[in-house]
Amino acid sequence: FTISKDNAKNTVWLHMNSLKPEDTAVYY
């Protein structure tokens, strides 16, 4: 996983790769 943040867009992203079944959840 990686995180990126764009202050001009007031947005933050969580980039999730190689996902596993144990990553199943509600993300906040």
PDB file of all heavy atoms in Angstrom:
ATOM      1  N   PHE A   1       0.845  -1.200   0.000  1.00  0.00           N
ATOM      2  CA  PHE A   1       0.000   0.000   0.000  1.00  0.00           C
ATOM      3  C   PHE A   1       0.874   1.241   0.000  1.00  0.00           C
ATOM      4  O   PHE A   1       1.956   1.262   0.580  1.00  0.00           O
ATOM      5  CB  PHE A   1      -0.884   0.042   1.234  1.00  0.00           C
ATOM      6  CG  PHE A   1      -1.967  -1.016   1.310  1.00  0.00           C
ATOM      7  CD1 PHE A   1      -2.020  -2.078   0.431  1.00  0.00           C
ATOM      8  CD2 PHE A   1      -2.950  -0.920   2.291  1.00  0.00           C
ATOM      9  CE1 PHE A   1      -3.015  -3.035   0.506  1.00  0.00           C
ATOM     10  CE2 PHE A   1      -3.960  -1.876   2.381  1.00  0.00           C
ATOM     11  CZ  PHE A   1      -3.981  -2.938   1.494  1.00  0.00           C
ATOM     12  N   THR A   2       0.403   2.283  -0.656  1.00  0.00           N
ATOM     13  CA  THR A   2       1.032   3.589  -0.592  1.00  0.00           C
ATOM     14  C   THR A   2      -0.044   4.652  -0.397  1.00  0.00           C
ATOM     15  O   THR A   2      -1.232   4.397  -0.634  1.00  0.00           O
ATOM     16  CB  THR A   2       1.833   3.911  -1.869  1.00  0.00           C
ATOM     17  OG1 THR A   2       0.945   3.878  -3.002  1.00  0.00           O
ATOM     18  CG2 THR A   2       2.973   2.926  -2.079  1.00  0.00           C
ATOM     19  N   ILE A   3       0.389   5.818   0.041  1.00  0.00           N
ATOM     20  CA  ILE A   3      -0.521   6.950   0.249  1.00  0.00           C
ATOM     21  C   ILE A   3       0.020   8.146  -0.509  1.00  0.00           C
ATOM     22  O   ILE A   3       1.227   8.419  -0.483  1.00  0.00           O
ATOM     23  CB  ILE A   3      -0.649   7.298   1.743  1.00  0.00           C
ATOM     24  CG1 ILE A   3      -1.338   6.170   2.509  1.00  0.00           C
ATOM     25  CG2 ILE A   3      -1.437   8.598   1.929  1.00  0.00           C
ATOM     26  CD1 ILE A   3      -1.379   6.390   4.021  1.00  0.00           C
ATOM     27  N   SER A   4      -0.878   8.853  -1.158  1.00  0.00           N
ATOM     28  CA  SER A   4      -0.495  10.109  -1.783  1.00  0.00           C
ATOM     29  C   SER A   4      -1.490  11.188  -1.352  1.00  0.00           C
ATOM     30  O   SER A   4      -2.648  10.888  -1.034  1.00  0.00           O
ATOM     31  CB  SER A   4      -0.450   9.993  -3.306  1.00  0.00           C
ATOM     32  OG  SER A   4      -1.684   9.574  -3.827  1.00  0.00           O
ATOM     33  N   LYS A   5      -1.024  12.407  -1.347  1.00  0.00           N
ATOM     34  CA  LYS A   5      -1.835  13.541  -0.858  1.00  0.00           C
ATOM     35  C   LYS A   5      -1.645  14.714  -1.801  1.00  0.00           C
ATOM     36  O   LYS A   5      -0.503  15.089  -2.108  1.00  0.00           O
ATOM     37  CB  LYS A   5      -1.391  13.899   0.566  1.00  0.00           C
ATOM     38  CG  LYS A   5      -2.222  14.961   1.286  1.00  0.00           C
ATOM     39  CD  LYS A   5      -1.705  15.107   2.716  1.00  0.00           C
ATOM     40  CE  LYS A   5      -2.607  16.011   3.576  1.00  0.00           C
ATOM     41  NZ  LYS A   5      -2.234  17.398   3.454  1.00  0.00           N
ATOM     42  N   ASP A   6      -2.739  15.269  -2.237  1.00  0.00           N
ATOM     43  CA  ASP A   6      -2.693  16.429  -3.116  1.00  0.00           C
ATOM     44  C   ASP A   6      -3.388  17.595  -2.416  1.00  0.00           C
ATOM     45  O   ASP A   6      -4.626  17.615  -2.325  1.00  0.00           O
ATOM     46  CB  ASP A   6      -3.368  16.122  -4.454  1.00  0.00           C
ATOM     47  CG  ASP A   6      -3.179  17.229  -5.489  1.00  0.00           C
ATOM     48  OD1 ASP A   6      -3.044  18.408  -5.100  1.00  0.00           O
ATOM     49  OD2 ASP A   6      -3.188  16.918  -6.684  1.00  0.00           O
ATOM     50  N   ASN A   7      -2.621  18.521  -1.911  1.00  0.00           N
ATOM     51  CA  ASN A   7      -3.185  19.630  -1.155  1.00  0.00           C
ATOM     52  C   ASN A   7      -4.001  20.580  -2.036  1.00  0.00           C
ATOM     53  O   ASN A   7      -4.898  21.260  -1.542  1.00  0.00           O
ATOM     54  CB  ASN A   7      -2.093  20.391  -0.436  1.00  0.00           C
ATOM     55  CG  ASN A   7      -1.524  19.600   0.725  1.00  0.00           C
ATOM     56  OD1 ASN A   7      -2.213  18.759   1.310  1.00  0.00           O
ATOM     57  ND2 ASN A   7      -0.275  19.836   1.066  1.00  0.00           N
ATOM     58  N   ALA A   8      -3.714  20.596  -3.313  1.00  0.00           N
ATOM     59  CA  ALA A   8      -4.476  21.459  -4.217  1.00  0.00           C
ATOM     60  C   ALA A   8      -5.880  20.910  -4.456  1.00  0.00           C
ATOM     61  O   ALA A   8      -6.811  21.663  -4.743  1.00  0.00           O
ATOM     62  CB  ALA A   8      -3.740  21.610  -5.542  1.00  0.00           C
ATOM     63  N   LYS A   9      -6.022  19.598  -4.333  1.00  0.00           N
ATOM     64  CA  LYS A   9      -7.311  18.949  -4.558  1.00  0.00           C
ATOM     65  C   LYS A   9      -8.006  18.547  -3.273  1.00  0.00           C
ATOM     66  O   LYS A   9      -9.084  17.944  -3.305  1.00  0.00           O
ATOM     67  CB  LYS A   9      -7.119  17.719  -5.451  1.00  0.00           C
ATOM     68  CG  LYS A   9      -6.612  18.033  -6.849  1.00  0.00           C
ATOM     69  CD  LYS A   9      -6.484  16.778  -7.686  1.00  0.00           C
ATOM     70  CE  LYS A   9      -6.022  17.119  -9.102  1.00  0.00           C
ATOM     71  NZ  LYS A   9      -5.858  15.897  -9.944  1.00  0.00           N
ATOM     72  N   ASN A  10      -7.392  18.848  -2.139  1.00  0.00           N
ATOM     73  CA  ASN A  10      -7.966  18.457  -0.835  1.00  0.00           C
ATOM     74  C   ASN A  10      -8.313  16.972  -0.806  1.00  0.00           C
ATOM     75  O   ASN A  10      -9.363  16.573  -0.289  1.00  0.00           O
ATOM     76  CB  ASN A  10      -9.219  19.291  -0.529  1.00  0.00           C
ATOM     77  CG  ASN A  10      -8.884  20.655   0.022  1.00  0.00           C
ATOM     78  OD1 ASN A  10      -7.746  21.130  -0.110  1.00  0.00           O
ATOM     79  ND2 ASN A  10      -9.856  21.317   0.612  1.00  0.00           N
ATOM     80  N   THR A  11      -7.426  16.175  -1.339  1.00  0.00           N
ATOM     81  CA  THR A  11      -7.694  14.746  -1.461  1.00  0.00           C
ATOM     82  C   THR A  11      -6.466  13.932  -1.069  1.00  0.00           C
ATOM     83  O   THR A  11      -5.331  14.309  -1.371  1.00  0.00           O
ATOM     84  CB  THR A  11      -8.103  14.389  -2.906  1.00  0.00           C
ATOM     85  OG1 THR A  11      -9.255  15.154  -3.275  1.00  0.00           O
ATOM     86  CG2 THR A  11      -8.435  12.910  -3.031  1.00  0.00           C
ATOM     87  N   VAL A  12      -6.746  12.822  -0.403  1.00  0.00           N
ATOM     88  CA  VAL A  12      -5.702  11.859  -0.078  1.00  0.00           C
ATOM     89  C   VAL A  12      -6.154  10.504  -0.620  1.00  0.00           C
ATOM     90  O   VAL A  12      -7.336  10.182  -0.586  1.00  0.00           O
ATOM     91  CB  VAL A  12      -5.429  11.810   1.443  1.00  0.00           C
ATOM     92  CG1 VAL A  12      -6.656  11.395   2.232  1.00  0.00           C
ATOM     93  CG2 VAL A  12      -4.252  10.907   1.747  1.00  0.00           C
ATOM     94  N   TRP A  13      -5.200   9.747  -1.140  1.00  0.00           N
ATOM     95  CA  TRP A  13      -5.507   8.453  -1.730  1.00  0.00           C
ATOM     96  C   TRP A  13      -4.753   7.338  -1.021  1.00  0.00           C
ATOM     97  O   TRP A  13      -3.612   7.526  -0.566  1.00  0.00           O
ATOM     98  CB  TRP A  13      -5.089   8.419  -3.210  1.00  0.00           C
ATOM     99  CG  TRP A  13      -5.859   9.331  -4.098  1.00  0.00           C
ATOM    100  CD1 TRP A  13      -7.023   9.061  -4.745  1.00  0.00           C
ATOM    101  CD2 TRP A  13      -5.511  10.665  -4.473  1.00  0.00           C
ATOM    102  NE1 TRP A  13      -7.418  10.148  -5.492  1.00  0.00           N
ATOM    103  CE2 TRP A  13      -6.508  11.145  -5.342  1.00  0.00           C
ATOM    104  CE3 TRP A  13      -4.443  11.510  -4.146  1.00  0.00           C
ATOM    105  CZ2 TRP A  13      -6.478  12.421  -5.896  1.00  0.00           C
ATOM    106  CZ3 TRP A  13      -4.412  12.792  -4.688  1.00  0.00           C
ATOM    107  CH2 TRP A  13      -5.424  13.228  -5.546  1.00  0.00           C
ATOM    108  N   LEU A  14      -5.395   6.186  -0.965  1.00  0.00           N
ATOM    109  CA  LEU A  14      -4.748   4.973  -0.486  1.00  0.00           C
ATOM    110  C   LEU A  14      -4.683   4.022  -1.678  1.00  0.00           C
ATOM    111  O   LEU A  14      -5.708   3.564  -2.172  1.00  0.00           O
ATOM    112  CB  LEU A  14      -5.544   4.334   0.660  1.00  0.00           C
ATOM    113  CG  LEU A  14      -4.982   3.020   1.194  1.00  0.00           C
ATOM    114  CD1 LEU A  14      -3.636   3.265   1.880  1.00  0.00           C
ATOM    115  CD2 LEU A  14      -5.964   2.386   2.192  1.00  0.00           C
ATOM    116  N   HIS A  15      -3.468   3.758  -2.132  1.00  0.00           N
ATOM    117  CA  HIS A  15      -3.252   2.878  -3.268  1.00  0.00           C
ATOM    118  C   HIS A  15      -2.939   1.489  -2.729  1.00  0.00           C
ATOM    119  O   HIS A  15      -1.947   1.312  -2.012  1.00  0.00           O
ATOM    120  CB  HIS A  15      -2.073   3.374  -4.109  1.00  0.00           C
ATOM    121  CG  HIS A  15      -2.178   4.803  -4.523  1.00  0.00           C
ATOM    122  ND1 HIS A  15      -2.719   5.191  -5.739  1.00  0.00           N
ATOM    123  CD2 HIS A  15      -1.815   5.950  -3.892  1.00  0.00           C
ATOM    124  CE1 HIS A  15      -2.680   6.510  -5.830  1.00  0.00           C
ATOM    125  NE2 HIS A  15      -2.145   7.001  -4.727  1.00  0.00           N
ATOM    126  N   MET A  16      -3.789   0.529  -3.094  1.00  0.00           N
ATOM    127  CA  MET A  16      -3.664  -0.819  -2.543  1.00  0.00           C
ATOM    128  C   MET A  16      -3.358  -1.798  -3.666  1.00  0.00           C
ATOM    129  O   MET A  16      -4.144  -1.922  -4.611  1.00  0.00           O
ATOM    130  CB  MET A  16      -4.958  -1.211  -1.828  1.00  0.00           C
ATOM    131  CG  MET A  16      -5.379  -0.213  -0.757  1.00  0.00           C
ATOM    132  SD  MET A  16      -6.822  -0.754   0.196  1.00  0.00           S
ATOM    133  CE  MET A  16      -8.068  -0.770  -1.078  1.00  0.00           C
ATOM    134  N   ASN A  17      -2.226  -2.457  -3.537  1.00  0.00           N
ATOM    135  CA  ASN A  17      -1.799  -3.447  -4.536  1.00  0.00           C
ATOM    136  C   ASN A  17      -1.645  -4.812  -3.871  1.00  0.00           C
ATOM    137  O   ASN A  17      -1.555  -4.915  -2.646  1.00  0.00           O
ATOM    138  CB  ASN A  17      -0.476  -3.011  -5.160  1.00  0.00           C
ATOM    139  CG  ASN A  17      -0.582  -1.687  -5.886  1.00  0.00           C
ATOM    140  OD1 ASN A  17      -1.478  -1.468  -6.690  1.00  0.00           O
ATOM    141  ND2 ASN A  17       0.342  -0.780  -5.599  1.00  0.00           N
ATOM    142  N   SER A  18      -1.593  -5.846  -4.703  1.00  0.00           N
ATOM    143  CA  SER A  18      -1.408  -7.221  -4.212  1.00  0.00           C
ATOM    144  C   SER A  18      -2.375  -7.521  -3.069  1.00  0.00           C
ATOM    145  O   SER A  18      -1.971  -8.035  -2.015  1.00  0.00           O
ATOM    146  CB  SER A  18       0.046  -7.422  -3.757  1.00  0.00           C
ATOM    147  OG  SER A  18       0.936  -7.161  -4.813  1.00  0.00           O
ATOM    148  N   LEU A  19      -3.611  -7.206  -3.287  1.00  0.00           N
ATOM    149  CA  LEU A  19      -4.608  -7.366  -2.223  1.00  0.00           C
ATOM    150  C   LEU A  19      -4.812  -8.815  -1.845  1.00  0.00           C
ATOM    151  O   LEU A  19      -4.723  -9.723  -2.694  1.00  0.00           O
ATOM    152  CB  LEU A  19      -5.921  -6.738  -2.656  1.00  0.00           C
ATOM    153  CG  LEU A  19      -5.953  -5.208  -2.559  1.00  0.00           C
ATOM    154  CD1 LEU A  19      -7.065  -4.618  -3.397  1.00  0.00           C
ATOM    155  CD2 LEU A  19      -6.090  -4.769  -1.109  1.00  0.00           C
ATOM    156  N   LYS A  20      -5.077  -9.027  -0.563  1.00  0.00           N
ATOM    157  CA  LYS A  20      -5.284 -10.351  -0.007  1.00  0.00           C
ATOM    158  C   LYS A  20      -6.677 -10.418   0.610  1.00  0.00           C
ATOM    159  O   LYS A  20      -7.229  -9.380   1.005  1.00  0.00           O
ATOM    160  CB  LYS A  20      -4.237 -10.628   1.072  1.00  0.00           C
ATOM    161  CG  LYS A  20      -2.797 -10.463   0.614  1.00  0.00           C
ATOM    162  CD  LYS A  20      -1.843 -10.642   1.782  1.00  0.00           C
ATOM    163  CE  LYS A  20      -0.398 -10.455   1.361  1.00  0.00           C
ATOM    164  NZ  LYS A  20       0.533 -10.615   2.512  1.00  0.00           N
ATOM    165  N   PRO A  21      -7.224 -11.614   0.740  1.00  0.00           N
ATOM    166  CA  PRO A  21      -8.542 -11.727   1.393  1.00  0.00           C
ATOM    167  C   PRO A  21      -8.569 -11.107   2.791  1.00  0.00           C
ATOM    168  O   PRO A  21      -9.591 -10.552   3.202  1.00  0.00           O
ATOM    169  CB  PRO A  21      -8.773 -13.242   1.439  1.00  0.00           C
ATOM    170  CG  PRO A  21      -8.018 -13.755   0.263  1.00  0.00           C
ATOM    171  CD  PRO A  21      -6.792 -12.904   0.166  1.00  0.00           C
ATOM    172  N   GLU A  22      -7.467 -11.166   3.504  1.00  0.00           N
ATOM    173  CA  GLU A  22      -7.419 -10.587   4.852  1.00  0.00           C
ATOM    174  C   GLU A  22      -7.424  -9.065   4.844  1.00  0.00           C
ATOM    175  O   GLU A  22      -7.511  -8.439   5.899  1.00  0.00           O
ATOM    176  CB  GLU A  22      -6.203 -11.104   5.633  1.00  0.00           C
ATOM    177  CG  GLU A  22      -4.890 -10.979   4.906  1.00  0.00           C
ATOM    178  CD  GLU A  22      -4.494 -12.263   4.207  1.00  0.00           C
ATOM    179  OE1 GLU A  22      -5.375 -12.903   3.556  1.00  0.00           O
ATOM    180  OE2 GLU A  22      -3.312 -12.642   4.283  1.00  0.00           O
ATOM    181  N   ASP A  23      -7.351  -8.445   3.676  1.00  0.00           N
ATOM    182  CA  ASP A  23      -7.490  -6.987   3.576  1.00  0.00           C
ATOM    183  C   ASP A  23      -8.961  -6.571   3.533  1.00  0.00           C
ATOM    184  O   ASP A  23      -9.264  -5.364   3.552  1.00  0.00           O
ATOM    185  CB  ASP A  23      -6.800  -6.467   2.313  1.00  0.00           C
ATOM    186  CG  ASP A  23      -5.292  -6.633   2.346  1.00  0.00           C
ATOM    187  OD1 ASP A  23      -4.700  -6.398   3.417  1.00  0.00           O
ATOM    188  OD2 ASP A  23      -4.719  -7.019   1.307  1.00  0.00           O
ATOM    189  N   THR A  24      -9.858  -7.537   3.489  1.00  0.00           N
ATOM    190  CA  THR A  24     -11.288  -7.237   3.469  1.00  0.00           C
ATOM    191  C   THR A  24     -11.695  -6.504   4.740  1.00  0.00           C
ATOM    192  O   THR A  24     -11.433  -6.965   5.847  1.00  0.00           O
ATOM    193  CB  THR A  24     -12.109  -8.527   3.335  1.00  0.00           C
ATOM    194  OG1 THR A  24     -11.841  -9.106   2.046  1.00  0.00           O
ATOM    195  CG2 THR A  24     -13.599  -8.249   3.467  1.00  0.00           C
ATOM    196  N   ALA A  25     -12.302  -5.337   4.567  1.00  0.00           N
ATOM    197  CA  ALA A  25     -12.689  -4.496   5.703  1.00  0.00           C
ATOM    198  C   ALA A  25     -13.388  -3.257   5.182  1.00  0.00           C
ATOM    199  O   ALA A  25     -13.393  -2.987   3.975  1.00  0.00           O
ATOM    200  CB  ALA A  25     -11.458  -4.087   6.520  1.00  0.00           C
ATOM    201  N   VAL A  26     -13.952  -2.501   6.109  1.00  0.00           N
ATOM    202  CA  VAL A  26     -14.385  -1.142   5.803  1.00  0.00           C
ATOM    203  C   VAL A  26     -13.184  -0.237   6.067  1.00  0.00           C
ATOM    204  O   VAL A  26     -12.586  -0.292   7.146  1.00  0.00           O
ATOM    205  CB  VAL A  26     -15.582  -0.718   6.661  1.00  0.00           C
ATOM    206  CG1 VAL A  26     -15.947   0.733   6.361  1.00  0.00           C
ATOM    207  CG2 VAL A  26     -16.770  -1.629   6.407  1.00  0.00           C
ATOM    208  N   TYR A  27     -12.843   0.571   5.095  1.00  0.00           N
ATOM    209  CA  TYR A  27     -11.686   1.455   5.191  1.00  0.00           C
ATOM    210  C   TYR A  27     -12.153   2.875   5.485  1.00  0.00           C
ATOM    211  O   TYR A  27     -13.061   3.396   4.828  1.00  0.00           O
ATOM    212  CB  TYR A  27     -10.883   1.412   3.899  1.00  0.00           C
ATOM    213  CG  TYR A  27     -10.029   0.172   3.782  1.00  0.00           C
ATOM    214  CD1 TYR A  27     -10.615  -1.074   3.575  1.00  0.00           C
ATOM    215  CD2 TYR A  27      -8.648   0.236   3.933  1.00  0.00           C
ATOM    216  CE1 TYR A  27      -9.852  -2.223   3.507  1.00  0.00           C
ATOM    217  CE2 TYR A  27      -7.866  -0.907   3.853  1.00  0.00           C
ATOM    218  CZ  TYR A  27      -8.477  -2.130   3.643  1.00  0.00           C
ATOM    219  OH  TYR A  27      -7.702  -3.264   3.577  1.00  0.00           O
ATOM    220  N   TYR A  28     -11.474   3.486   6.465  1.00  0.00           N
ATOM    221  CA  TYR A  28     -11.836   4.819   6.912  1.00  0.00           C
ATOM    222  C   TYR A  28     -10.670   5.787   6.721  1.00  0.00           C
ATOM    223  O   TYR A  28      -9.513   5.444   6.993  1.00  0.00           O
ATOM    224  CB  TYR A  28     -12.209   4.815   8.389  1.00  0.00           C
ATOM    225  CG  TYR A  28     -13.437   4.015   8.724  1.00  0.00           C
ATOM    226  CD1 TYR A  28     -13.345   2.664   9.037  1.00  0.00           C
ATOM    227  CD2 TYR A  28     -14.699   4.618   8.729  1.00  0.00           C
ATOM    228  CE1 TYR A  28     -14.474   1.926   9.352  1.00  0.00           C
ATOM    229  CE2 TYR A  28     -15.833   3.876   9.046  1.00  0.00           C
ATOM    230  CZ  TYR A  28     -15.715   2.541   9.353  1.00  0.00           C
ATOM    231  OH  TYR A  28     -16.834   1.811   9.661  1.00  0.00           O
TER     232      TYR A  28
END
